[in-house]
Amino acid sequence: MPRILIIEDEPKVAESLQLGLREVGFEVEWATTGEEGLTCLLENMPDAVVLDLNLPGRDGLDILATLRKHHEQLPVLILSARDAIDDRVSGLERGADDYMIKPFAFTELVARLKVMLRRENQSSVLAFELAGLSIDIVSRQVRRDSKSINLTPREFEILELFFRNIKHPVSRKTIARDVWKVERATSLDNVIDVHIMRLRKKIDEEFDVKLIQTIRGLGFMLSDEEQG
């Protein structure tokens, strides 16, 4: 049963979250300050954290920065009333995995937590292979059959994202969030498409089986099965 730590100083919000998360099968611990939250992390490491930013004492972003020095992979979802783009970008750049604005839909929060936890479980996988295309996360080497393929850092991150969601569509919004670490902006769509085009050229151009596929209305998918 996944354990969630809520770091939140508003009792009504925290109590509602505790009740709801327990009803859907999570174990829940609640800390009312950043310092208390860090103590809870050291004493009983959770599987994910829901973090408010407006905390008494130390600001939530400061808590996040401290957390990331010791626990790089722990999933963190910021839940805050700060709705400015700069706040969201800052939170994601400091190491948050996701950012939700209050007031929020509880069902969406649960869905995002489950995605974060699934991604964390997948992160232990350090190599992938499909139809002769292989990727090593540690060495950052990519090969297709006997050919070594040189990718830029962005191209590598996109390909890794595709492998971690293999045979499932990945939207431009997801690519923007997980690779560029920002909420999707329309102006970024063209940049993403250019990177996908270059990645396709390197991965698929010389091979009969095309692996990077466009799924109309949904995004892109890595698959060796032709989509109708």
C-alpha atoms as a PDB file:
ATOM      1  CA  MET A   1       0.000   0.000   0.000  1.00  0.00           C
ATOM      2  CA  PRO A   2       1.669   3.292  -1.096  1.00  0.00           C
ATOM      3  CA  ARG A   3       2.469   5.750   1.693  1.00  0.00           C
ATOM      4  CA  ILE A   4       1.807   9.448   1.072  1.00  0.00           C
ATOM      5  CA  LEU A   5       3.219  12.291   3.182  1.00  0.00           C
ATOM      6  CA  ILE A   6       1.125  15.477   3.147  1.00  0.00           C
ATOM      7  CA  ILE A   7       3.011  18.647   4.142  1.00  0.00           C
ATOM      8  CA  GLU A   8       0.192  21.154   4.533  1.00  0.00           C
ATOM      9  CA  ASP A   9      -0.623  23.742   7.206  1.00  0.00           C
ATOM     10  CA  GLU A  10      -4.321  24.190   6.372  1.00  0.00           C
ATOM     11  CA  PRO A  11      -6.194  21.664   8.564  1.00  0.00           C
ATOM     12  CA  LYS A  12      -9.324  21.528   6.375  1.00  0.00           C
ATOM     13  CA  VAL A  13      -7.303  20.762   3.244  1.00  0.00           C
ATOM     14  CA  ALA A  14      -5.065  18.233   4.976  1.00  0.00           C
ATOM     15  CA  GLU A  15      -7.903  16.438   6.748  1.00  0.00           C
ATOM     16  CA  SER A  16      -9.890  16.187   3.521  1.00  0.00           C
ATOM     17  CA  LEU A  17      -6.870  14.823   1.696  1.00  0.00           C
ATOM     18  CA  GLN A  18      -6.161  12.277   4.423  1.00  0.00           C
ATOM     19  CA  LEU A  19      -9.707  10.982   4.408  1.00  0.00           C
ATOM     20  CA  GLY A  20      -9.951  10.786   0.635  1.00  0.00           C
ATOM     21  CA  LEU A  21      -6.550   9.193   0.073  1.00  0.00           C
ATOM     22  CA  ARG A  22      -7.193   6.563   2.736  1.00  0.00           C
ATOM     23  CA  GLU A  23     -10.524   5.723   1.112  1.00  0.00           C
ATOM     24  CA  VAL A  24      -8.785   4.988  -2.201  1.00  0.00           C
ATOM     25  CA  GLY A  25      -6.151   2.770  -0.600  1.00  0.00           C
ATOM     26  CA  PHE A  26      -3.202   4.954   0.444  1.00  0.00           C
ATOM     27  CA  GLU A  27      -1.500   5.131   3.810  1.00  0.00           C
ATOM     28  CA  VAL A  28      -1.245   8.790   4.830  1.00  0.00           C
ATOM     29  CA  GLU A  29       0.909  10.846   7.204  1.00  0.00           C
ATOM     30  CA  TRP A  30       0.422  14.565   7.794  1.00  0.00           C
ATOM     31  CA  ALA A  31       2.986  17.234   8.702  1.00  0.00           C
ATOM     32  CA  THR A  32       1.948  20.842   9.342  1.00  0.00           C
ATOM     33  CA  THR A  33       5.327  22.550   8.756  1.00  0.00           C
ATOM     34  CA  GLY A  34       8.265  22.081   6.455  1.00  0.00           C
ATOM     35  CA  GLU A  35      10.575  21.148   9.302  1.00  0.00           C
ATOM     36  CA  GLU A  36       8.136  18.547  10.579  1.00  0.00           C
ATOM     37  CA  GLY A  37       7.822  17.219   7.042  1.00  0.00           C
ATOM     38  CA  LEU A  38      11.590  16.784   6.703  1.00  0.00           C
ATOM     39  CA  THR A  39      11.669  14.960  10.031  1.00  0.00           C
ATOM     40  CA  CYS A  40       8.936  12.605   8.826  1.00  0.00           C
ATOM     41  CA  LEU A  41      10.923  11.959   5.639  1.00  0.00           C
ATOM     42  CA  LEU A  42      14.022  10.987   7.608  1.00  0.00           C
ATOM     43  CA  GLU A  43      12.168   8.785  10.070  1.00  0.00           C
ATOM     44  CA  ASN A  44       9.731   7.046   7.717  1.00  0.00           C
ATOM     45  CA  MET A  45      10.397   7.537   4.008  1.00  0.00           C
ATOM     46  CA  PRO A  46       7.072   7.741   2.109  1.00  0.00           C
ATOM     47  CA  ASP A  47       6.419   6.683  -1.485  1.00  0.00           C
ATOM     48  CA  ALA A  48       5.327  10.204  -2.514  1.00  0.00           C
ATOM     49  CA  VAL A  49       4.878  13.697  -1.076  1.00  0.00           C
ATOM     50  CA  VAL A  50       2.079  16.256  -1.477  1.00  0.00           C
ATOM     51  CA  LEU A  51       3.723  19.603  -0.668  1.00  0.00           C
ATOM     52  CA  ASP A  52       2.167  23.010   0.004  1.00  0.00           C
ATOM     53  CA  LEU A  53       4.336  26.066  -0.699  1.00  0.00           C
ATOM     54  CA  ASN A  54       2.947  28.584   1.825  1.00  0.00           C
ATOM     55  CA  LEU A  55       4.200  26.875   4.968  1.00  0.00           C
ATOM     56  CA  PRO A  56       5.020  28.439   8.329  1.00  0.00           C
ATOM     57  CA  GLY A  57       8.734  28.841   8.883  1.00  0.00           C
ATOM     58  CA  ARG A  58      10.480  27.568   5.787  1.00  0.00           C
ATOM     59  CA  ASP A  59       8.924  28.054   2.361  1.00  0.00           C
ATOM     60  CA  GLY A  60       7.865  24.933   0.492  1.00  0.00           C
ATOM     61  CA  LEU A  61      10.351  25.568  -2.312  1.00  0.00           C
ATOM     62  CA  ASP A  62      13.153  25.668   0.245  1.00  0.00           C
ATOM     63  CA  ILE A  63      11.905  22.364   1.671  1.00  0.00           C
ATOM     64  CA  LEU A  64      11.844  20.913  -1.844  1.00  0.00           C
ATOM     65  CA  ALA A  65      15.430  22.028  -2.521  1.00  0.00           C
ATOM     66  CA  THR A  66      16.595  20.432   0.744  1.00  0.00           C
ATOM     67  CA  LEU A  67      14.688  17.247  -0.036  1.00  0.00           C
ATOM     68  CA  ARG A  68      16.214  16.959  -3.498  1.00  0.00           C
ATOM     69  CA  LYS A  69      19.751  17.064  -2.063  1.00  0.00           C
ATOM     70  CA  HIS A  70      19.063  13.767  -0.292  1.00  0.00           C
ATOM     71  CA  HIS A  71      16.271  12.109  -2.283  1.00  0.00           C
ATOM     72  CA  GLU A  72      16.458  12.825  -5.999  1.00  0.00           C
ATOM     73  CA  GLN A  73      13.845  10.289  -7.099  1.00  0.00           C
ATOM     74  CA  LEU A  74      11.121  10.687  -4.456  1.00  0.00           C
ATOM     75  CA  PRO A  75       7.914  11.785  -6.270  1.00  0.00           C
ATOM     76  CA  VAL A  76       6.733  15.236  -5.139  1.00  0.00           C
ATOM     77  CA  LEU A  77       3.460  16.893  -6.128  1.00  0.00           C
ATOM     78  CA  ILE A  78       3.186  20.584  -5.239  1.00  0.00           C
ATOM     79  CA  LEU A  79      -0.335  21.595  -4.192  1.00  0.00           C
ATOM     80  CA  SER A  80      -0.534  25.363  -3.859  1.00  0.00           C
ATOM     81  CA  ALA A  81      -2.717  28.424  -4.205  1.00  0.00           C
ATOM     82  CA  ARG A  82       0.125  30.099  -6.102  1.00  0.00           C
ATOM     83  CA  ASP A  83      -1.177  30.023  -9.652  1.00  0.00           C
ATOM     84  CA  ALA A  84       1.286  32.262 -11.498  1.00  0.00           C
ATOM     85  CA  ILE A  85       3.231  30.695 -14.358  1.00  0.00           C
ATOM     86  CA  ASP A  86       6.509  31.752 -12.693  1.00  0.00           C
ATOM     87  CA  ASP A  87       5.546  29.875  -9.517  1.00  0.00           C
ATOM     88  CA  ARG A  88       4.728  26.711 -11.450  1.00  0.00           C
ATOM     89  CA  VAL A  89       7.908  26.889 -13.492  1.00  0.00           C
ATOM     90  CA  SER A  90       9.969  27.543 -10.362  1.00  0.00           C
ATOM     91  CA  GLY A  91       8.412  24.567  -8.576  1.00  0.00           C
ATOM     92  CA  LEU A  92       9.095  22.210 -11.472  1.00  0.00           C
ATOM     93  CA  GLU A  93      12.626  23.530 -11.973  1.00  0.00           C
ATOM     94  CA  ARG A  94      13.379  23.028  -8.260  1.00  0.00           C
ATOM     95  CA  GLY A  95      12.562  19.338  -8.669  1.00  0.00           C
ATOM     96  CA  ALA A  96       8.806  18.838  -8.265  1.00  0.00           C
ATOM     97  CA  ASP A  97       7.333  16.106 -10.454  1.00  0.00           C
ATOM     98  CA  ASP A  98       3.951  17.810 -10.776  1.00  0.00           C
ATOM     99  CA  TYR A  99       2.134  20.998  -9.756  1.00  0.00           C
ATOM    100  CA  MET A 100      -1.568  21.441  -8.967  1.00  0.00           C
ATOM    101  CA  ILE A 101      -3.382  24.651  -8.074  1.00  0.00           C
ATOM    102  CA  LYS A 102      -5.906  25.066  -5.256  1.00  0.00           C
ATOM    103  CA  PRO A 103      -8.830  24.639  -5.422  1.00  0.00           C
ATOM    104  CA  PHE A 104      -8.371  21.255  -7.062  1.00  0.00           C
ATOM    105  CA  ALA A 105     -10.317  18.175  -8.144  1.00  0.00           C
ATOM    106  CA  PHE A 106      -9.536  15.297  -5.794  1.00  0.00           C
ATOM    107  CA  THR A 107      -9.954  12.656  -8.522  1.00  0.00           C
ATOM    108  CA  GLU A 108      -7.362  14.445 -10.643  1.00  0.00           C
ATOM    109  CA  LEU A 109      -4.936  14.614  -7.720  1.00  0.00           C
ATOM    110  CA  VAL A 110      -5.292  10.856  -7.165  1.00  0.00           C
ATOM    111  CA  ALA A 111      -4.726  10.197 -10.865  1.00  0.00           C
ATOM    112  CA  ARG A 112      -1.578  12.336 -10.873  1.00  0.00           C
ATOM    113  CA  LEU A 113      -0.232  10.604  -7.767  1.00  0.00           C
ATOM    114  CA  LYS A 114      -0.744   7.212  -9.401  1.00  0.00           C
ATOM    115  CA  VAL A 115       1.099   8.378 -12.529  1.00  0.00           C
ATOM    116  CA  MET A 116       4.006   9.644 -10.410  1.00  0.00           C
ATOM    117  CA  LEU A 117       4.197   6.390  -8.466  1.00  0.00           C
ATOM    118  CA  ARG A 118       4.062   4.326 -11.653  1.00  0.00           C
ATOM    119  CA  ARG A 119       6.831   6.449 -13.159  1.00  0.00           C
ATOM    120  CA  GLU A 120       8.932   5.978 -10.019  1.00  0.00           C
ATOM    121  CA  ASN A 121       8.553   2.197 -10.231  1.00  0.00           C
ATOM    122  CA  GLN A 122       9.615   2.306 -13.862  1.00  0.00           C
ATOM    123  CA  SER A 123      12.629   4.517 -13.141  1.00  0.00           C
ATOM    124  CA  SER A 124      14.586   1.545 -11.776  1.00  0.00           C
ATOM    125  CA  VAL A 125      14.686   0.107 -15.305  1.00  0.00           C
ATOM    126  CA  LEU A 126      18.024   1.159 -16.801  1.00  0.00           C
ATOM    127  CA  ALA A 127      17.834  -0.364 -20.298  1.00  0.00           C
ATOM    128  CA  PHE A 128      15.154  -0.878 -22.923  1.00  0.00           C
ATOM    129  CA  GLU A 129      14.926  -2.666 -26.272  1.00  0.00           C
ATOM    130  CA  LEU A 130      12.359  -2.827 -29.049  1.00  0.00           C
ATOM    131  CA  ALA A 131      12.763  -4.208 -32.568  1.00  0.00           C
ATOM    132  CA  GLY A 132      16.535  -3.831 -32.491  1.00  0.00           C
ATOM    133  CA  LEU A 133      16.419  -0.355 -30.955  1.00  0.00           C
ATOM    134  CA  SER A 134      18.169  -0.313 -27.581  1.00  0.00           C
ATOM    135  CA  ILE A 135      18.806   2.439 -25.047  1.00  0.00           C
ATOM    136  CA  ASP A 136      21.054   2.365 -21.988  1.00  0.00           C
ATOM    137  CA  ILE A 137      20.003   4.950 -19.400  1.00  0.00           C
ATOM    138  CA  VAL A 138      23.317   4.952 -17.516  1.00  0.00           C
ATOM    139  CA  SER A 139      25.742   5.198 -20.433  1.00  0.00           C
ATOM    140  CA  ARG A 140      23.186   7.080 -22.566  1.00  0.00           C
ATOM    141  CA  GLN A 141      24.061   4.898 -25.533  1.00  0.00           C
ATOM    142  CA  VAL A 142      21.494   4.251 -28.250  1.00  0.00           C
ATOM    143  CA  ARG A 143      21.776   1.588 -30.940  1.00  0.00           C
ATOM    144  CA  ARG A 144      19.563   0.149 -33.631  1.00  0.00           C
ATOM    145  CA  ASP A 145      20.781  -3.227 -34.773  1.00  0.00           C
ATOM    146  CA  SER A 146      24.545  -2.744 -35.213  1.00  0.00           C
ATOM    147  CA  LYS A 147      24.407   1.026 -35.701  1.00  0.00           C
ATOM    148  CA  SER A 148      25.297   3.474 -32.935  1.00  0.00           C
ATOM    149  CA  ILE A 149      22.985   6.509 -32.899  1.00  0.00           C
ATOM    150  CA  ASN A 150      24.085   9.880 -31.546  1.00  0.00           C
ATOM    151  CA  LEU A 151      21.273  11.863 -29.897  1.00  0.00           C
ATOM    152  CA  THR A 152      21.196  15.304 -28.337  1.00  0.00           C
ATOM    153  CA  PRO A 153      20.273  15.409 -24.621  1.00  0.00           C
ATOM    154  CA  ARG A 154      16.687  16.466 -25.466  1.00  0.00           C
ATOM    155  CA  GLU A 155      16.324  13.749 -28.083  1.00  0.00           C
ATOM    156  CA  PHE A 156      17.589  11.165 -25.607  1.00  0.00           C
ATOM    157  CA  GLU A 157      15.110  12.296 -22.942  1.00  0.00           C
ATOM    158  CA  ILE A 158      12.223  12.133 -25.413  1.00  0.00           C
ATOM    159  CA  LEU A 159      13.222   8.625 -26.502  1.00  0.00           C
ATOM    160  CA  GLU A 160      13.535   7.521 -22.874  1.00  0.00           C
ATOM    161  CA  LEU A 161      10.072   8.940 -22.194  1.00  0.00           C
ATOM    162  CA  PHE A 162       8.711   6.987 -25.157  1.00  0.00           C
ATOM    163  CA  PHE A 163      10.305   3.775 -23.880  1.00  0.00           C
ATOM    164  CA  ARG A 164       8.913   4.296 -20.378  1.00  0.00           C
ATOM    165  CA  ASN A 165       5.461   4.612 -21.953  1.00  0.00           C
ATOM    166  CA  ILE A 166       6.049   1.999 -24.632  1.00  0.00           C
ATOM    167  CA  LYS A 167       3.029   1.261 -26.865  1.00  0.00           C
ATOM    168  CA  HIS A 168       1.066   4.017 -25.120  1.00  0.00           C
ATOM    169  CA  PRO A 169       0.531   7.492 -26.622  1.00  0.00           C
ATOM    170  CA  VAL A 170       2.589  10.347 -25.170  1.00  0.00           C
ATOM    171  CA  SER A 171       1.085  13.814 -25.600  1.00  0.00           C
ATOM    172  CA  ARG A 172       2.941  17.031 -26.344  1.00  0.00           C
ATOM    173  CA  LYS A 173       1.814  18.243 -22.922  1.00  0.00           C
ATOM    174  CA  THR A 174       3.545  15.265 -21.281  1.00  0.00           C
ATOM    175  CA  ILE A 175       6.701  15.838 -23.330  1.00  0.00           C
ATOM    176  CA  ALA A 176       6.740  19.522 -22.335  1.00  0.00           C
ATOM    177  CA  ARG A 177       6.265  18.644 -18.659  1.00  0.00           C
ATOM    178  CA  ASP A 178       8.708  15.723 -18.417  1.00  0.00           C
ATOM    179  CA  VAL A 179      11.447  16.883 -20.801  1.00  0.00           C
ATOM    180  CA  TRP A 180      11.273  20.696 -20.772  1.00  0.00           C
ATOM    181  CA  LYS A 181       9.905  20.784 -17.187  1.00  0.00           C
ATOM    182  CA  VAL A 182       7.207  23.344 -17.973  1.00  0.00           C
ATOM    183  CA  GLU A 183       3.482  23.319 -18.369  1.00  0.00           C
ATOM    184  CA  ARG A 184       2.592  23.073 -22.022  1.00  0.00           C
ATOM    185  CA  ALA A 185       2.622  26.337 -23.957  1.00  0.00           C
ATOM    186  CA  THR A 186       1.361  26.400 -27.534  1.00  0.00           C
ATOM    187  CA  SER A 187       4.600  28.052 -28.603  1.00  0.00           C
ATOM    188  CA  LEU A 188       6.494  24.923 -27.507  1.00  0.00           C
ATOM    189  CA  ASP A 189       4.543  22.599 -29.837  1.00  0.00           C
ATOM    190  CA  ASN A 190       6.645  23.498 -32.870  1.00  0.00           C
ATOM    191  CA  VAL A 191       9.860  22.957 -30.905  1.00  0.00           C
ATOM    192  CA  ILE A 192       8.655  19.513 -29.811  1.00  0.00           C
ATOM    193  CA  ASP A 193       7.656  18.615 -33.374  1.00  0.00           C
ATOM    194  CA  VAL A 194      11.103  19.592 -34.670  1.00  0.00           C
ATOM    195  CA  HIS A 195      12.776  17.362 -32.071  1.00  0.00           C
ATOM    196  CA  ILE A 196      10.446  14.477 -32.970  1.00  0.00           C
ATOM    197  CA  MET A 197      11.234  14.960 -36.670  1.00  0.00           C
ATOM    198  CA  ARG A 198      14.994  14.838 -35.993  1.00  0.00           C
ATOM    199  CA  LEU A 199      14.592  11.827 -33.699  1.00  0.00           C
ATOM    200  CA  ARG A 200      12.588  10.003 -36.372  1.00  0.00           C
ATOM    201  CA  LYS A 201      15.289  10.693 -38.944  1.00  0.00           C
ATOM    202  CA  LYS A 202      17.948   9.167 -36.698  1.00  0.00           C
ATOM    203  CA  ILE A 203      15.877   6.234 -35.414  1.00  0.00           C
ATOM    204  CA  ASP A 204      13.684   5.228 -38.363  1.00  0.00           C
ATOM    205  CA  GLU A 205      14.916   6.627 -41.656  1.00  0.00           C
ATOM    206  CA  GLU A 206      17.201   3.724 -42.588  1.00  0.00           C
ATOM    207  CA  PHE A 207      14.884   0.959 -41.356  1.00  0.00           C
ATOM    208  CA  ASP A 208      11.765  -0.687 -42.796  1.00  0.00           C
ATOM    209  CA  VAL A 209       9.951  -0.872 -39.452  1.00  0.00           C
ATOM    210  CA  LYS A 210       9.069   2.631 -38.255  1.00  0.00           C
ATOM    211  CA  LEU A 211       8.963   2.817 -34.463  1.00  0.00           C
ATOM    212  CA  ILE A 212       8.049   6.436 -33.707  1.00  0.00           C
ATOM    213  CA  GLN A 213       4.415   6.795 -34.685  1.00  0.00           C
ATOM    214  CA  THR A 214       1.997   9.712 -34.642  1.00  0.00           C
ATOM    215  CA  ILE A 215      -1.340   8.983 -32.995  1.00  0.00           C
ATOM    216  CA  ARG A 216      -3.814  11.526 -34.301  1.00  0.00           C
ATOM    217  CA  GLY A 217      -5.275  13.678 -31.547  1.00  0.00           C
ATOM    218  CA  LEU A 218      -3.181  12.003 -28.829  1.00  0.00           C
ATOM    219  CA  GLY A 219       0.505  12.546 -29.579  1.00  0.00           C
ATOM    220  CA  PHE A 220       3.297  10.073 -30.320  1.00  0.00           C
ATOM    221  CA  MET A 221       3.998   6.451 -29.493  1.00  0.00           C
ATOM    222  CA  LEU A 222       6.919   4.048 -29.671  1.00  0.00           C
ATOM    223  CA  SER A 223       5.684   0.766 -31.110  1.00  0.00           C
ATOM    224  CA  ASP A 224       6.714  -1.895 -33.628  1.00  0.00           C
ATOM    225  CA  GLU A 225       3.071  -2.510 -34.506  1.00  0.00           C
ATOM    226  CA  GLU A 226       1.590  -0.424 -37.310  1.00  0.00           C
ATOM    227  CA  GLN A 227      -1.320   1.714 -36.106  1.00  0.00           C
ATOM    228  CA  GLY A 228      -4.509   1.851 -38.140  1.00  0.00           C
END
